[in-house]
Amino acid sequence: GEFPKILQKVCVNIVDHEDCRRRYAEVINVTDTMICLGEGGSGTCEGDSGGPFQCVDNFMTRNMIKSHSRWSLYGLTSWAIGCAEDQYPSVATNIIALRDWIYEQILQSDSLKIKV
């Protein structure tokens, strides 16, 4: 089919990591640098790779009163078997698991060196 002309979004659950590993056991090794997303017909499809996987972070005051929410990047859409398959969740790169490596790459980047 054709790709939509309007940006799409879907709300998905994070799939238990061990459950995801079992589902993909005979296909691929799901590592700790991956997050599995979506079940029951909701997930990613062709053309979604590189797109953000975001979660809402709720910030609490010292009195545990919700003060505000913000969206944070947790992963980048990576791959899936089929499109939103029930048996196989979508897989994203786990940004949190790679955070230290990402920071190292940024700090080593020549693009950050400012020439005066």
N, C-alpha and C. Protein backbone atom coordinates (compact mmCIF):
# COMPACT_ATOMS: atom_id res chain seq x y z
N GLY A 1 0.80 -1.18 0.00
CA GLY A 1 0.00 0.00 0.00
C GLY A 1 0.85 1.25 0.00
N GLU A 2 0.19 2.36 0.02
CA GLU A 2 0.87 3.65 0.03
C GLU A 2 1.15 4.10 1.45
N PHE A 3 2.20 4.91 1.60
CA PHE A 3 2.50 5.50 2.89
C PHE A 3 1.53 6.65 3.15
N PRO A 4 1.10 6.84 4.40
CA PRO A 4 0.20 7.96 4.70
C PRO A 4 0.90 9.30 4.48
N LYS A 5 0.12 10.30 4.12
CA LYS A 5 0.67 11.64 3.91
C LYS A 5 0.71 12.44 5.21
N ILE A 6 -0.02 11.97 6.22
CA ILE A 6 -0.07 12.63 7.52
C ILE A 6 0.69 11.78 8.53
N LEU A 7 1.53 12.41 9.33
CA LEU A 7 2.31 11.71 10.35
C LEU A 7 1.39 10.91 11.26
N GLN A 8 1.75 9.66 11.51
CA GLN A 8 0.93 8.76 12.32
C GLN A 8 1.54 8.58 13.70
N LYS A 9 0.71 8.18 14.67
CA LYS A 9 1.21 7.83 15.99
C LYS A 9 0.35 6.69 16.52
N VAL A 10 0.90 5.95 17.47
CA VAL A 10 0.16 4.87 18.11
C VAL A 10 0.65 4.77 19.55
N CYS A 11 -0.26 4.50 20.46
CA CYS A 11 0.11 4.27 21.86
C CYS A 11 0.32 2.77 22.03
N VAL A 12 1.48 2.40 22.55
CA VAL A 12 1.82 0.99 22.73
C VAL A 12 2.35 0.76 24.14
N ASN A 13 2.24 -0.48 24.57
CA ASN A 13 2.81 -0.88 25.85
C ASN A 13 4.21 -1.42 25.64
N ILE A 14 5.03 -1.34 26.69
CA ILE A 14 6.33 -1.99 26.67
C ILE A 14 6.10 -3.45 27.04
N VAL A 15 6.63 -4.34 26.21
CA VAL A 15 6.48 -5.78 26.43
C VAL A 15 7.59 -6.24 27.38
N ASP A 16 7.24 -7.12 28.32
CA ASP A 16 8.23 -7.68 29.24
C ASP A 16 9.42 -8.22 28.44
N HIS A 17 10.63 -7.85 28.86
CA HIS A 17 11.83 -8.18 28.10
C HIS A 17 12.03 -9.70 27.96
N GLU A 18 11.84 -10.44 29.03
CA GLU A 18 12.03 -11.89 28.95
C GLU A 18 10.97 -12.54 28.04
N ASP A 19 9.75 -12.03 28.10
CA ASP A 19 8.69 -12.53 27.22
C ASP A 19 9.06 -12.27 25.76
N CYS A 20 9.58 -11.09 25.49
CA CYS A 20 9.98 -10.74 24.13
C CYS A 20 11.12 -11.64 23.66
N ARG A 21 12.09 -11.89 24.53
CA ARG A 21 13.20 -12.78 24.18
C ARG A 21 12.69 -14.18 23.81
N ARG A 22 11.73 -14.68 24.57
CA ARG A 22 11.16 -16.00 24.28
C ARG A 22 10.47 -16.02 22.92
N ARG A 23 9.72 -14.97 22.63
CA ARG A 23 8.98 -14.92 21.36
C ARG A 23 9.92 -14.92 20.16
N TYR A 24 11.05 -14.25 20.29
CA TYR A 24 12.00 -14.13 19.19
C TYR A 24 13.13 -15.15 19.27
N ALA A 25 13.10 -16.07 20.23
CA ALA A 25 14.22 -16.98 20.51
C ALA A 25 14.75 -17.70 19.27
N GLU A 26 13.89 -18.12 18.38
CA GLU A 26 14.35 -18.87 17.20
C GLU A 26 14.60 -17.97 16.00
N VAL A 27 14.43 -16.66 16.19
CA VAL A 27 14.58 -15.72 15.07
C VAL A 27 15.83 -14.85 15.25
N ILE A 28 15.95 -14.21 16.42
CA ILE A 28 17.04 -13.27 16.68
C ILE A 28 17.22 -13.13 18.18
N ASN A 29 18.42 -12.76 18.59
CA ASN A 29 18.71 -12.53 20.00
C ASN A 29 18.29 -11.10 20.37
N VAL A 30 17.30 -10.97 21.21
CA VAL A 30 16.86 -9.66 21.70
C VAL A 30 17.77 -9.29 22.86
N THR A 31 18.55 -8.23 22.69
CA THR A 31 19.55 -7.84 23.69
C THR A 31 19.02 -6.79 24.65
N ASP A 32 19.84 -6.46 25.64
CA ASP A 32 19.46 -5.43 26.62
C ASP A 32 19.45 -4.03 26.02
N THR A 33 19.99 -3.87 24.82
CA THR A 33 19.95 -2.56 24.16
C THR A 33 18.70 -2.40 23.29
N MET A 34 17.74 -3.31 23.48
CA MET A 34 16.49 -3.28 22.72
C MET A 34 15.30 -3.20 23.68
N ILE A 35 14.23 -2.53 23.23
CA ILE A 35 12.96 -2.47 23.95
C ILE A 35 11.91 -3.06 23.01
N CYS A 36 11.06 -3.92 23.54
CA CYS A 36 9.98 -4.50 22.73
C CYS A 36 8.68 -3.77 23.03
N LEU A 37 7.94 -3.45 21.97
CA LEU A 37 6.78 -2.58 22.08
C LEU A 37 5.57 -3.15 21.37
N GLY A 38 4.40 -2.89 21.95
CA GLY A 38 3.14 -3.15 21.26
C GLY A 38 2.74 -4.60 21.23
N GLU A 39 1.46 -4.83 21.33
CA GLU A 39 0.88 -6.16 21.23
C GLU A 39 -0.54 -6.01 20.70
N GLY A 40 -1.05 -7.07 20.15
CA GLY A 40 -2.46 -7.07 19.76
C GLY A 40 -2.79 -6.16 18.61
N GLY A 41 -1.90 -6.08 17.61
CA GLY A 41 -2.22 -5.30 16.42
C GLY A 41 -1.77 -3.86 16.45
N SER A 42 -1.05 -3.43 17.49
CA SER A 42 -0.51 -2.07 17.53
C SER A 42 1.00 -2.15 17.54
N GLY A 43 1.62 -1.40 16.65
CA GLY A 43 3.08 -1.42 16.59
C GLY A 43 3.58 -0.68 15.37
N THR A 44 4.80 -1.02 14.97
CA THR A 44 5.43 -0.32 13.87
C THR A 44 5.29 -1.10 12.57
N CYS A 45 5.65 -0.42 11.47
CA CYS A 45 5.56 -1.02 10.15
C CYS A 45 6.67 -0.45 9.28
N GLU A 46 6.68 -0.83 8.00
CA GLU A 46 7.68 -0.31 7.07
C GLU A 46 7.67 1.21 7.08
N GLY A 47 8.85 1.80 7.05
CA GLY A 47 8.97 3.25 7.01
C GLY A 47 9.02 3.90 8.37
N ASP A 48 8.81 3.14 9.44
CA ASP A 48 8.82 3.70 10.79
C ASP A 48 10.21 3.74 11.42
N SER A 49 11.16 3.00 10.85
CA SER A 49 12.50 2.91 11.44
C SER A 49 13.12 4.28 11.62
N GLY A 50 13.74 4.47 12.78
CA GLY A 50 14.36 5.75 13.11
C GLY A 50 13.42 6.71 13.82
N GLY A 51 12.14 6.40 13.83
CA GLY A 51 11.16 7.26 14.51
C GLY A 51 11.27 7.11 16.02
N PRO A 52 10.77 8.09 16.76
CA PRO A 52 10.91 8.08 18.22
C PRO A 52 9.93 7.16 18.92
N PHE A 53 10.40 6.56 20.02
CA PHE A 53 9.53 5.90 20.98
C PHE A 53 9.62 6.76 22.23
N GLN A 54 8.52 7.41 22.58
CA GLN A 54 8.50 8.36 23.68
C GLN A 54 7.56 7.91 24.78
N CYS A 55 7.88 8.30 26.00
CA CYS A 55 7.02 8.04 27.16
C CYS A 55 6.79 9.36 27.89
N VAL A 56 5.68 9.42 28.59
CA VAL A 56 5.39 10.59 29.42
C VAL A 56 6.02 10.38 30.78
N ASP A 57 6.84 11.33 31.19
CA ASP A 57 7.41 11.32 32.53
C ASP A 57 6.57 12.25 33.39
N ASN A 58 6.09 11.73 34.50
CA ASN A 58 5.34 12.56 35.44
C ASN A 58 6.27 13.01 36.55
N PHE A 59 6.34 14.29 36.77
CA PHE A 59 7.19 14.84 37.80
C PHE A 59 6.36 15.15 39.03
N MET A 60 6.85 14.75 40.18
CA MET A 60 6.14 14.95 41.43
C MET A 60 6.85 15.99 42.29
N THR A 61 6.06 16.71 43.05
CA THR A 61 6.64 17.63 44.03
C THR A 61 7.06 16.83 45.25
N ARG A 62 7.68 17.48 46.20
CA ARG A 62 8.10 16.79 47.43
C ARG A 62 6.91 16.20 48.18
N ASN A 63 5.74 16.77 48.01
CA ASN A 63 4.53 16.27 48.66
C ASN A 63 3.84 15.20 47.81
N MET A 64 4.54 14.72 46.78
CA MET A 64 4.02 13.69 45.87
C MET A 64 2.77 14.14 45.12
N ILE A 65 2.71 15.42 44.81
CA ILE A 65 1.64 15.95 43.99
C ILE A 65 2.19 16.11 42.58
N LYS A 66 1.46 15.60 41.60
CA LYS A 66 1.92 15.70 40.22
C LYS A 66 2.04 17.17 39.84
N SER A 67 3.25 17.57 39.46
CA SER A 67 3.45 18.97 39.11
C SER A 67 3.34 19.21 37.60
N HIS A 68 3.90 18.32 36.80
CA HIS A 68 3.79 18.45 35.36
C HIS A 68 4.26 17.17 34.68
N SER A 69 3.98 17.07 33.41
CA SER A 69 4.40 15.92 32.62
C SER A 69 5.19 16.42 31.42
N ARG A 70 6.08 15.57 30.93
CA ARG A 70 6.78 15.90 29.69
C ARG A 70 7.09 14.60 28.95
N TRP A 71 7.22 14.71 27.66
CA TRP A 71 7.58 13.57 26.83
C TRP A 71 9.09 13.42 26.81
N SER A 72 9.57 12.19 26.97
CA SER A 72 11.01 11.91 26.91
C SER A 72 11.26 10.80 25.90
N LEU A 73 12.40 10.89 25.22
CA LEU A 73 12.79 9.88 24.26
C LEU A 73 13.36 8.67 24.99
N TYR A 74 12.78 7.50 24.76
CA TYR A 74 13.25 6.26 25.38
C TYR A 74 13.86 5.31 24.35
N GLY A 75 13.46 5.45 23.09
CA GLY A 75 13.98 4.55 22.08
C GLY A 75 13.78 5.08 20.68
N LEU A 76 14.44 4.39 19.74
CA LEU A 76 14.28 4.69 18.32
C LEU A 76 13.76 3.43 17.65
N THR A 77 12.70 3.57 16.89
CA THR A 77 12.11 2.43 16.20
C THR A 77 13.18 1.76 15.35
N SER A 78 13.29 0.45 15.48
CA SER A 78 14.36 -0.26 14.80
C SER A 78 13.83 -1.27 13.78
N TRP A 79 13.10 -2.29 14.24
CA TRP A 79 12.64 -3.33 13.32
C TRP A 79 11.45 -4.09 13.89
N ALA A 80 10.85 -4.89 13.04
CA ALA A 80 9.74 -5.76 13.44
C ALA A 80 9.61 -6.86 12.41
N ILE A 81 8.94 -7.91 12.79
CA ILE A 81 8.56 -8.94 11.82
C ILE A 81 7.14 -8.61 11.41
N GLY A 82 6.95 -8.29 10.15
CA GLY A 82 5.63 -7.88 9.69
C GLY A 82 5.28 -6.50 10.21
N CYS A 83 4.00 -6.22 10.24
CA CYS A 83 3.50 -4.94 10.73
C CYS A 83 2.53 -5.19 11.88
N ALA A 84 2.92 -4.79 13.06
CA ALA A 84 2.07 -4.91 14.25
C ALA A 84 1.52 -6.32 14.43
N GLU A 85 2.39 -7.31 14.32
CA GLU A 85 1.99 -8.71 14.48
C GLU A 85 1.71 -9.04 15.94
N ASP A 86 0.69 -9.86 16.19
CA ASP A 86 0.35 -10.25 17.56
C ASP A 86 1.49 -11.02 18.23
N GLN A 87 2.09 -11.95 17.52
CA GLN A 87 3.10 -12.82 18.11
C GLN A 87 4.44 -12.11 18.30
N TYR A 88 4.77 -11.17 17.40
CA TYR A 88 6.08 -10.52 17.44
C TYR A 88 5.95 -9.02 17.69
N PRO A 89 6.36 -8.56 18.86
CA PRO A 89 6.31 -7.13 19.15
C PRO A 89 7.28 -6.35 18.26
N SER A 90 7.06 -5.07 18.13
CA SER A 90 8.00 -4.19 17.45
C SER A 90 9.21 -4.01 18.37
N VAL A 91 10.36 -3.69 17.76
CA VAL A 91 11.58 -3.55 18.55
C VAL A 91 12.19 -2.18 18.31
N ALA A 92 12.61 -1.54 19.40
CA ALA A 92 13.25 -0.23 19.34
C ALA A 92 14.61 -0.31 20.03
N THR A 93 15.50 0.59 19.65
CA THR A 93 16.78 0.73 20.34
C THR A 93 16.51 1.36 21.69
N ASN A 94 17.09 0.79 22.74
CA ASN A 94 16.91 1.28 24.11
C ASN A 94 17.89 2.42 24.38
N ILE A 95 17.44 3.66 24.25
CA ILE A 95 18.29 4.83 24.44
C ILE A 95 18.87 4.88 25.85
N ILE A 96 18.08 4.50 26.84
CA ILE A 96 18.55 4.53 28.23
C ILE A 96 19.73 3.58 28.42
N ALA A 97 19.65 2.39 27.85
CA ALA A 97 20.73 1.41 27.98
C ALA A 97 22.00 1.88 27.28
N LEU A 98 21.86 2.74 26.28
CA LEU A 98 23.00 3.22 25.50
C LEU A 98 23.41 4.65 25.86
N ARG A 99 22.80 5.20 26.89
CA ARG A 99 23.03 6.60 27.25
C ARG A 99 24.51 6.95 27.43
N ASP A 100 25.25 6.16 28.19
CA ASP A 100 26.66 6.46 28.43
C ASP A 100 27.45 6.44 27.13
N TRP A 101 27.19 5.46 26.27
CA TRP A 101 27.88 5.38 24.98
C TRP A 101 27.54 6.60 24.12
N ILE A 102 26.28 7.00 24.11
CA ILE A 102 25.86 8.17 23.33
C ILE A 102 26.59 9.42 23.81
N TYR A 103 26.66 9.62 25.13
CA TYR A 103 27.38 10.77 25.68
C TYR A 103 28.85 10.75 25.27
N GLU A 104 29.48 9.58 25.33
CA GLU A 104 30.89 9.46 24.92
C GLU A 104 31.07 9.89 23.47
N GLN A 105 30.16 9.44 22.60
CA GLN A 105 30.27 9.79 21.19
C GLN A 105 30.10 11.29 20.97
N ILE A 106 29.19 11.89 21.70
CA ILE A 106 28.97 13.33 21.57
C ILE A 106 30.21 14.09 22.03
N LEU A 107 30.77 13.69 23.16
CA LEU A 107 31.94 14.39 23.70
C LEU A 107 33.17 14.23 22.80
N GLN A 108 33.26 13.13 22.08
CA GLN A 108 34.40 12.90 21.18
C GLN A 108 34.20 13.52 19.80
N SER A 109 33.02 14.00 19.54
CA SER A 109 32.70 14.52 18.21
C SER A 109 33.43 15.83 17.92
N ASP A 110 34.01 15.92 16.73
CA ASP A 110 34.67 17.16 16.31
C ASP A 110 33.67 18.29 16.12
N SER A 111 32.43 17.95 15.86
CA SER A 111 31.43 18.99 15.60
C SER A 111 31.14 19.83 16.83
N LEU A 112 31.52 19.35 18.01
CA LEU A 112 31.28 20.13 19.23
C LEU A 112 32.40 21.09 19.55
N LYS A 113 33.53 20.94 18.88
CA LYS A 113 34.66 21.83 19.14
C LYS A 113 34.43 23.16 18.44
N ILE A 114 34.32 24.19 19.23
CA ILE A 114 34.04 25.52 18.69
C ILE A 114 35.35 26.24 18.44
N LYS A 115 35.51 26.73 17.24
CA LYS A 115 36.72 27.49 16.89
C LYS A 115 36.41 28.97 16.98
N VAL A 116 37.22 29.69 17.74
CA VAL A 116 37.00 31.13 17.92
C VAL A 116 38.01 31.90 17.11
